Amino acid sequence: MKNARTNTSTAHQLTLLPDLAPAPNVSARFLLSHDTRELGMRQVAEIRHMLAERKAARESANVLTLPARTDRAA
């Protein structure tokens, strides 16, 4: 017996964008409540902040200080 979910030919993407106007072609089962949307937006912001901190730490760890060259004429 096949699972009904494996027979779907199209995928649906959930959105966390503000609900400016309800999309007419979105099934009601994919609509998010205001609380769910706010929680998702907060989690996305936390992840972006964490990734930015990691990137800054990586970039600061990769800085090399080279010795001054004294064998060149000015």
PDB file of N, CA and C in Angstrom:
ATOM      1  N   MET A   1       0.843  -1.169   0.000  1.00  0.00           N
ATOM      2  CA  MET A   1       0.000   0.000   0.000  1.00  0.00           C
ATOM      3  C   MET A   1       0.893   1.240   0.000  1.00  0.00           C
ATOM      4  N   LYS A   2       0.612   2.150  -0.923  1.00  0.00           N
ATOM      5  CA  LYS A   2       1.426   3.354  -1.029  1.00  0.00           C
ATOM      6  C   LYS A   2       0.884   4.443  -0.120  1.00  0.00           C
ATOM      7  N   ASN A   3       1.809   5.231   0.383  1.00  0.00           N
ATOM      8  CA  ASN A   3       1.436   6.379   1.203  1.00  0.00           C
ATOM      9  C   ASN A   3       0.899   7.473   0.280  1.00  0.00           C
ATOM     10  N   ALA A   4      -0.169   8.110   0.663  1.00  0.00           N
ATOM     11  CA  ALA A   4      -0.773   9.157  -0.170  1.00  0.00           C
ATOM     12  C   ALA A   4       0.173  10.326  -0.374  1.00  0.00           C
ATOM     13  N   ARG A   5       1.065  10.562   0.561  1.00  0.00           N
ATOM     14  CA  ARG A   5       1.989  11.691   0.440  1.00  0.00           C
ATOM     15  C   ARG A   5       3.034  11.468  -0.650  1.00  0.00           C
ATOM     16  N   THR A   6       3.350  10.231  -0.965  1.00  0.00           N
ATOM     17  CA  THR A   6       4.359   9.969  -1.989  1.00  0.00           C
ATOM     18  C   THR A   6       3.806  10.165  -3.393  1.00  0.00           C
ATOM     19  N   ASN A   7       2.500  10.268  -3.529  1.00  0.00           N
ATOM     20  CA  ASN A   7       1.884  10.414  -4.838  1.00  0.00           C
ATOM     21  C   ASN A   7       1.723  11.860  -5.274  1.00  0.00           C
ATOM     22  N   THR A   8       2.048  12.812  -4.441  1.00  0.00           N
ATOM     23  CA  THR A   8       1.884  14.213  -4.829  1.00  0.00           C
ATOM     24  C   THR A   8       2.981  14.595  -5.810  1.00  0.00           C
ATOM     25  N   SER A   9       2.605  15.318  -6.831  1.00  0.00           N
ATOM     26  CA  SER A   9       3.567  15.683  -7.867  1.00  0.00           C
ATOM     27  C   SER A   9       4.172  17.064  -7.651  1.00  0.00           C
ATOM     28  N   THR A  10       3.579  17.873  -6.808  1.00  0.00           N
ATOM     29  CA  THR A  10       4.121  19.205  -6.567  1.00  0.00           C
ATOM     30  C   THR A  10       4.398  19.395  -5.088  1.00  0.00           C
ATOM     31  N   ALA A  11       5.427  20.151  -4.807  1.00  0.00           N
ATOM     32  CA  ALA A  11       5.773  20.469  -3.422  1.00  0.00           C
ATOM     33  C   ALA A  11       5.225  21.851  -3.091  1.00  0.00           C
ATOM     34  N   HIS A  12       4.921  22.070  -1.838  1.00  0.00           N
ATOM     35  CA  HIS A  12       4.419  23.368  -1.389  1.00  0.00           C
ATOM     36  C   HIS A  12       5.408  23.954  -0.398  1.00  0.00           C
ATOM     37  N   GLN A  13       5.730  25.214  -0.559  1.00  0.00           N
ATOM     38  CA  GLN A  13       6.666  25.901   0.320  1.00  0.00           C
ATOM     39  C   GLN A  13       5.892  26.741   1.323  1.00  0.00           C
ATOM     40  N   LEU A  14       6.163  26.532   2.600  1.00  0.00           N
ATOM     41  CA  LEU A  14       5.566  27.381   3.621  1.00  0.00           C
ATOM     42  C   LEU A  14       6.270  28.723   3.603  1.00  0.00           C
ATOM     43  N   THR A  15       5.552  29.769   3.896  1.00  0.00           N
ATOM     44  CA  THR A  15       6.156  31.086   3.911  1.00  0.00           C
ATOM     45  C   THR A  15       5.988  31.723   5.276  1.00  0.00           C
ATOM     46  N   LEU A  16       7.004  32.470   5.691  1.00  0.00           N
ATOM     47  CA  LEU A  16       6.943  33.190   6.954  1.00  0.00           C
ATOM     48  C   LEU A  16       6.791  34.687   6.719  1.00  0.00           C
ATOM     49  N   LEU A  17       6.571  35.067   5.480  1.00  0.00           N
ATOM     50  CA  LEU A  17       6.420  36.479   5.153  1.00  0.00           C
ATOM     51  C   LEU A  17       5.130  37.017   5.755  1.00  0.00           C
ATOM     52  N   PRO A  18       5.075  38.326   6.003  1.00  0.00           N
ATOM     53  CA  PRO A  18       3.843  38.910   6.559  1.00  0.00           C
ATOM     54  C   PRO A  18       2.656  38.635   5.644  1.00  0.00           C
ATOM     55  N   ASP A  19       1.535  38.445   6.234  1.00  0.00           N
ATOM     56  CA  ASP A  19       0.326  38.131   5.481  1.00  0.00           C
ATOM     57  C   ASP A  19      -0.296  39.425   4.970  1.00  0.00           C
ATOM     58  N   LEU A  20       0.239  39.954   3.868  1.00  0.00           N
ATOM     59  CA  LEU A  20      -0.274  41.201   3.311  1.00  0.00           C
ATOM     60  C   LEU A  20      -1.609  40.965   2.610  1.00  0.00           C
ATOM     61  N   ALA A  21      -1.684  39.899   1.873  1.00  0.00           N
ATOM     62  CA  ALA A  21      -2.927  39.527   1.208  1.00  0.00           C
ATOM     63  C   ALA A  21      -2.938  38.010   1.105  1.00  0.00           C
ATOM     64  N   PRO A  22      -4.018  37.385   1.473  1.00  0.00           N
ATOM     65  CA  PRO A  22      -4.047  35.920   1.399  1.00  0.00           C
ATOM     66  C   PRO A  22      -3.891  35.441  -0.042  1.00  0.00           C
ATOM     67  N   ALA A  23      -3.045  34.467  -0.224  1.00  0.00           N
ATOM     68  CA  ALA A  23      -2.825  33.913  -1.554  1.00  0.00           C
ATOM     69  C   ALA A  23      -4.010  33.018  -1.921  1.00  0.00           C
ATOM     70  N   PRO A  24      -4.640  33.271  -3.046  1.00  0.00           N
ATOM     71  CA  PRO A  24      -5.837  32.498  -3.396  1.00  0.00           C
ATOM     72  C   PRO A  24      -5.534  31.047  -3.773  1.00  0.00           C
ATOM     73  N   ASN A  25      -4.311  30.752  -4.171  1.00  0.00           N
ATOM     74  CA  ASN A  25      -3.994  29.407  -4.641  1.00  0.00           C
ATOM     75  C   ASN A  25      -3.333  28.538  -3.568  1.00  0.00           C
ATOM     76  N   VAL A  26      -3.311  28.984  -2.322  1.00  0.00           N
ATOM     77  CA  VAL A  26      -2.692  28.224  -1.243  1.00  0.00           C
ATOM     78  C   VAL A  26      -3.775  27.478  -0.474  1.00  0.00           C
ATOM     79  N   SER A  27      -3.546  26.194  -0.305  1.00  0.00           N
ATOM     80  CA  SER A  27      -4.488  25.373   0.452  1.00  0.00           C
ATOM     81  C   SER A  27      -4.534  25.850   1.898  1.00  0.00           C
ATOM     82  N   ALA A  28      -5.691  25.765   2.514  1.00  0.00           N
ATOM     83  CA  ALA A  28      -5.859  26.222   3.898  1.00  0.00           C
ATOM     84  C   ALA A  28      -4.953  25.469   4.858  1.00  0.00           C
ATOM     85  N   ARG A  29      -4.587  24.254   4.536  1.00  0.00           N
ATOM     86  CA  ARG A  29      -3.727  23.487   5.449  1.00  0.00           C
ATOM     87  C   ARG A  29      -2.304  24.020   5.491  1.00  0.00           C
ATOM     88  N   PHE A  30      -1.922  24.871   4.526  1.00  0.00           N
ATOM     89  CA  PHE A  30      -0.581  25.438   4.507  1.00  0.00           C
ATOM     90  C   PHE A  30      -0.520  26.856   5.063  1.00  0.00           C
ATOM     91  N   LEU A  31      -1.645  27.407   5.457  1.00  0.00           N
ATOM     92  CA  LEU A  31      -1.651  28.751   6.025  1.00  0.00           C
ATOM     93  C   LEU A  31      -1.154  28.699   7.465  1.00  0.00           C
ATOM     94  N   LEU A  32      -0.330  29.654   7.833  1.00  0.00           N
ATOM     95  CA  LEU A  32       0.245  29.695   9.171  1.00  0.00           C
ATOM     96  C   LEU A  32      -0.491  30.713  10.026  1.00  0.00           C
ATOM     97  N   SER A  33      -0.639  30.393  11.287  1.00  0.00           N
ATOM     98  CA  SER A  33      -1.264  31.344  12.202  1.00  0.00           C
ATOM     99  C   SER A  33      -0.281  32.481  12.474  1.00  0.00           C
ATOM    100  N   HIS A  34      -0.791  33.563  13.021  1.00  0.00           N
ATOM    101  CA  HIS A  34       0.058  34.717  13.338  1.00  0.00           C
ATOM    102  C   HIS A  34       1.148  34.323  14.333  1.00  0.00           C
ATOM    103  N   ASP A  35       0.785  33.554  15.356  1.00  0.00           N
ATOM    104  CA  ASP A  35       1.765  33.135  16.368  1.00  0.00           C
ATOM    105  C   ASP A  35       2.860  32.259  15.763  1.00  0.00           C
ATOM    106  N   THR A  36       2.473  31.334  14.889  1.00  0.00           N
ATOM    107  CA  THR A  36       3.455  30.461  14.243  1.00  0.00           C
ATOM    108  C   THR A  36       4.389  31.274  13.364  1.00  0.00           C
ATOM    109  N   ARG A  37       3.830  32.241  12.637  1.00  0.00           N
ATOM    110  CA  ARG A  37       4.640  33.092  11.763  1.00  0.00           C
ATOM    111  C   ARG A  37       5.633  33.913  12.587  1.00  0.00           C
ATOM    112  N   GLU A  38       5.172  34.488  13.704  1.00  0.00           N
ATOM    113  CA  GLU A  38       6.054  35.281  14.568  1.00  0.00           C
ATOM    114  C   GLU A  38       7.173  34.422  15.153  1.00  0.00           C
ATOM    115  N   LEU A  39       6.841  33.222  15.600  1.00  0.00           N
ATOM    116  CA  LEU A  39       7.847  32.310  16.140  1.00  0.00           C
ATOM    117  C   LEU A  39       8.872  31.958  15.068  1.00  0.00           C
ATOM    118  N   GLY A  40       8.404  31.669  13.878  1.00  0.00           N
ATOM    119  CA  GLY A  40       9.308  31.342  12.773  1.00  0.00           C
ATOM    120  C   GLY A  40      10.225  32.499  12.427  1.00  0.00           C
ATOM    121  N   MET A  41       9.676  33.711  12.367  1.00  0.00           N
ATOM    122  CA  MET A  41      10.494  34.888  12.054  1.00  0.00           C
ATOM    123  C   MET A  41      11.542  35.120  13.138  1.00  0.00           C
ATOM    124  N   ARG A  42      11.180  34.902  14.394  1.00  0.00           N
ATOM    125  CA  ARG A  42      12.122  35.062  15.501  1.00  0.00           C
ATOM    126  C   ARG A  42      13.241  34.019  15.403  1.00  0.00           C
ATOM    127  N   GLN A  43      12.887  32.785  15.077  1.00  0.00           N
ATOM    128  CA  GLN A  43      13.894  31.737  14.937  1.00  0.00           C
ATOM    129  C   GLN A  43      14.822  32.003  13.758  1.00  0.00           C
ATOM    130  N   VAL A  44      14.277  32.488  12.655  1.00  0.00           N
ATOM    131  CA  VAL A  44      15.102  32.830  11.494  1.00  0.00           C
ATOM    132  C   VAL A  44      16.068  33.951  11.856  1.00  0.00           C
ATOM    133  N   ALA A  45      15.606  34.960  12.589  1.00  0.00           N
ATOM    134  CA  ALA A  45      16.474  36.067  13.007  1.00  0.00           C
ATOM    135  C   ALA A  45      17.593  35.564  13.915  1.00  0.00           C
ATOM    136  N   GLU A  46      17.278  34.645  14.829  1.00  0.00           N
ATOM    137  CA  GLU A  46      18.304  34.084  15.717  1.00  0.00           C
ATOM    138  C   GLU A  46      19.346  33.300  14.928  1.00  0.00           C
ATOM    139  N   ILE A  47      18.908  32.527  13.954  1.00  0.00           N
ATOM    140  CA  ILE A  47      19.840  31.748  13.130  1.00  0.00           C
ATOM    141  C   ILE A  47      20.727  32.675  12.321  1.00  0.00           C
ATOM    142  N   ARG A  48      20.153  33.722  11.727  1.00  0.00           N
ATOM    143  CA  ARG A  48      20.961  34.673  10.951  1.00  0.00           C
ATOM    144  C   ARG A  48      21.986  35.374  11.836  1.00  0.00           C
ATOM    145  N   HIS A  49      21.590  35.724  13.048  1.00  0.00           N
ATOM    146  CA  HIS A  49      22.507  36.367  13.987  1.00  0.00           C
ATOM    147  C   HIS A  49      23.649  35.416  14.350  1.00  0.00           C
ATOM    148  N   MET A  50      23.320  34.164  14.614  1.00  0.00           N
ATOM    149  CA  MET A  50      24.328  33.165  14.958  1.00  0.00           C
ATOM    150  C   MET A  50      25.302  32.959  13.792  1.00  0.00           C
ATOM    151  N   LEU A  51      24.784  32.887  12.570  1.00  0.00           N
ATOM    152  CA  LEU A  51      25.648  32.707  11.404  1.00  0.00           C
ATOM    153  C   LEU A  51      26.554  33.918  11.194  1.00  0.00           C
ATOM    154  N   ALA A  52      26.038  35.120  11.430  1.00  0.00           N
ATOM    155  CA  ALA A  52      26.850  36.328  11.291  1.00  0.00           C
ATOM    156  C   ALA A  52      27.973  36.345  12.326  1.00  0.00           C
ATOM    157  N   GLU A  53      27.671  35.916  13.554  1.00  0.00           N
ATOM    158  CA  GLU A  53      28.713  35.847  14.585  1.00  0.00           C
ATOM    159  C   GLU A  53      29.792  34.841  14.210  1.00  0.00           C
ATOM    160  N   ARG A  54      29.393  33.688  13.706  1.00  0.00           N
ATOM    161  CA  ARG A  54      30.375  32.671  13.294  1.00  0.00           C
ATOM    162  C   ARG A  54      31.243  33.175  12.148  1.00  0.00           C
ATOM    163  N   LYS A  55      30.626  33.864  11.196  1.00  0.00           N
ATOM    164  CA  LYS A  55      31.381  34.395  10.062  1.00  0.00           C
ATOM    165  C   LYS A  55      32.393  35.432  10.533  1.00  0.00           C
ATOM    166  N   ALA A  56      31.979  36.316  11.431  1.00  0.00           N
ATOM    167  CA  ALA A  56      32.890  37.335  11.959  1.00  0.00           C
ATOM    168  C   ALA A  56      34.041  36.685  12.720  1.00  0.00           C
ATOM    169  N   ALA A  57      33.758  35.635  13.486  1.00  0.00           N
ATOM    170  CA  ALA A  57      34.809  34.939  14.234  1.00  0.00           C
ATOM    171  C   ALA A  57      35.786  34.263  13.280  1.00  0.00           C
ATOM    172  N   ARG A  58      35.265  33.646  12.214  1.00  0.00           N
ATOM    173  CA  ARG A  58      36.138  33.007  11.215  1.00  0.00           C
ATOM    174  C   ARG A  58      37.033  34.029  10.535  1.00  0.00           C
ATOM    175  N   GLU A  59      36.442  35.156  10.149  1.00  0.00           N
ATOM    176  CA  GLU A  59      37.210  36.178   9.440  1.00  0.00           C
ATOM    177  C   GLU A  59      38.275  36.795  10.334  1.00  0.00           C
ATOM    178  N   SER A  60      37.976  36.995  11.604  1.00  0.00           N
ATOM    179  CA  SER A  60      38.977  37.577  12.502  1.00  0.00           C
ATOM    180  C   SER A  60      40.063  36.559  12.830  1.00  0.00           C
ATOM    181  N   ALA A  61      39.751  35.274  12.787  1.00  0.00           N
ATOM    182  CA  ALA A  61      40.750  34.238  13.063  1.00  0.00           C
ATOM    183  C   ALA A  61      41.694  34.057  11.882  1.00  0.00           C
ATOM    184  N   ASN A  62      41.277  34.448  10.693  1.00  0.00           N
ATOM    185  CA  ASN A  62      42.090  34.253   9.497  1.00  0.00           C
ATOM    186  C   ASN A  62      42.989  35.440   9.175  1.00  0.00           C
ATOM    187  N   VAL A  63      43.010  36.456  10.012  1.00  0.00           N
ATOM    188  CA  VAL A  63      43.833  37.634   9.752  1.00  0.00           C
ATOM    189  C   VAL A  63      45.274  37.318  10.121  1.00  0.00           C
ATOM    190  N   LEU A  64      46.172  37.514   9.175  1.00  0.00           N
ATOM    191  CA  LEU A  64      47.596  37.290   9.416  1.00  0.00           C
ATOM    192  C   LEU A  64      48.306  38.633   9.515  1.00  0.00           C
ATOM    193  N   THR A  65      49.161  38.770  10.502  1.00  0.00           N
ATOM    194  CA  THR A  65      49.974  39.972  10.625  1.00  0.00           C
ATOM    195  C   THR A  65      51.368  39.614  10.142  1.00  0.00           C
ATOM    196  N   LEU A  66      51.749  40.214   9.037  1.00  0.00           N
ATOM    197  CA  LEU A  66      53.058  39.931   8.459  1.00  0.00           C
ATOM    198  C   LEU A  66      54.091  40.886   9.036  1.00  0.00           C
ATOM    199  N   PRO A  67      55.326  40.417   9.173  1.00  0.00           N
ATOM    200  CA  PRO A  67      56.374  41.309   9.683  1.00  0.00           C
ATOM    201  C   PRO A  67      56.673  42.415   8.665  1.00  0.00           C
ATOM    202  N   ALA A  68      57.076  43.547   9.170  1.00  0.00           N
ATOM    203  CA  ALA A  68      57.411  44.673   8.300  1.00  0.00           C
ATOM    204  C   ALA A  68      58.668  44.341   7.509  1.00  0.00           C
ATOM    205  N   ARG A  69      58.690  44.756   6.250  1.00  0.00           N
ATOM    206  CA  ARG A  69      59.871  44.517   5.408  1.00  0.00           C
ATOM    207  C   ARG A  69      60.805  45.712   5.554  1.00  0.00           C
ATOM    208  N   THR A  70      62.022  45.427   5.959  1.00  0.00           N
ATOM    209  CA  THR A  70      63.004  46.496   6.148  1.00  0.00           C
ATOM    210  C   THR A  70      64.082  46.473   5.078  1.00  0.00           C
ATOM    211  N   ASP A  71      64.047  45.507   4.183  1.00  0.00           N
ATOM    212  CA  ASP A  71      65.099  45.379   3.180  1.00  0.00           C
ATOM    213  C   ASP A  71      64.792  46.125   1.887  1.00  0.00           C
ATOM    214  N   ARG A  72      63.738  46.929   1.866  1.00  0.00           N
ATOM    215  CA  ARG A  72      63.394  47.673   0.656  1.00  0.00           C
ATOM    216  C   ARG A  72      63.726  49.145   0.831  1.00  0.00           C
ATOM    217  N   ALA A  73      64.030  49.756  -0.281  1.00  0.00           N
ATOM    218  CA  ALA A  73      64.267  51.203  -0.258  1.00  0.00           C
ATOM    219  C   ALA A  73      62.926  51.915  -0.206  1.00  0.00           C
ATOM    220  N   ALA A  74      62.915  53.053   0.446  1.00  0.00           N
ATOM    221  CA  ALA A  74      61.682  53.806   0.581  1.00  0.00           C
ATOM    222  C   ALA A  74      61.373  54.591  -0.650  1.00  0.00           C
TER     223      ALA A  74
END
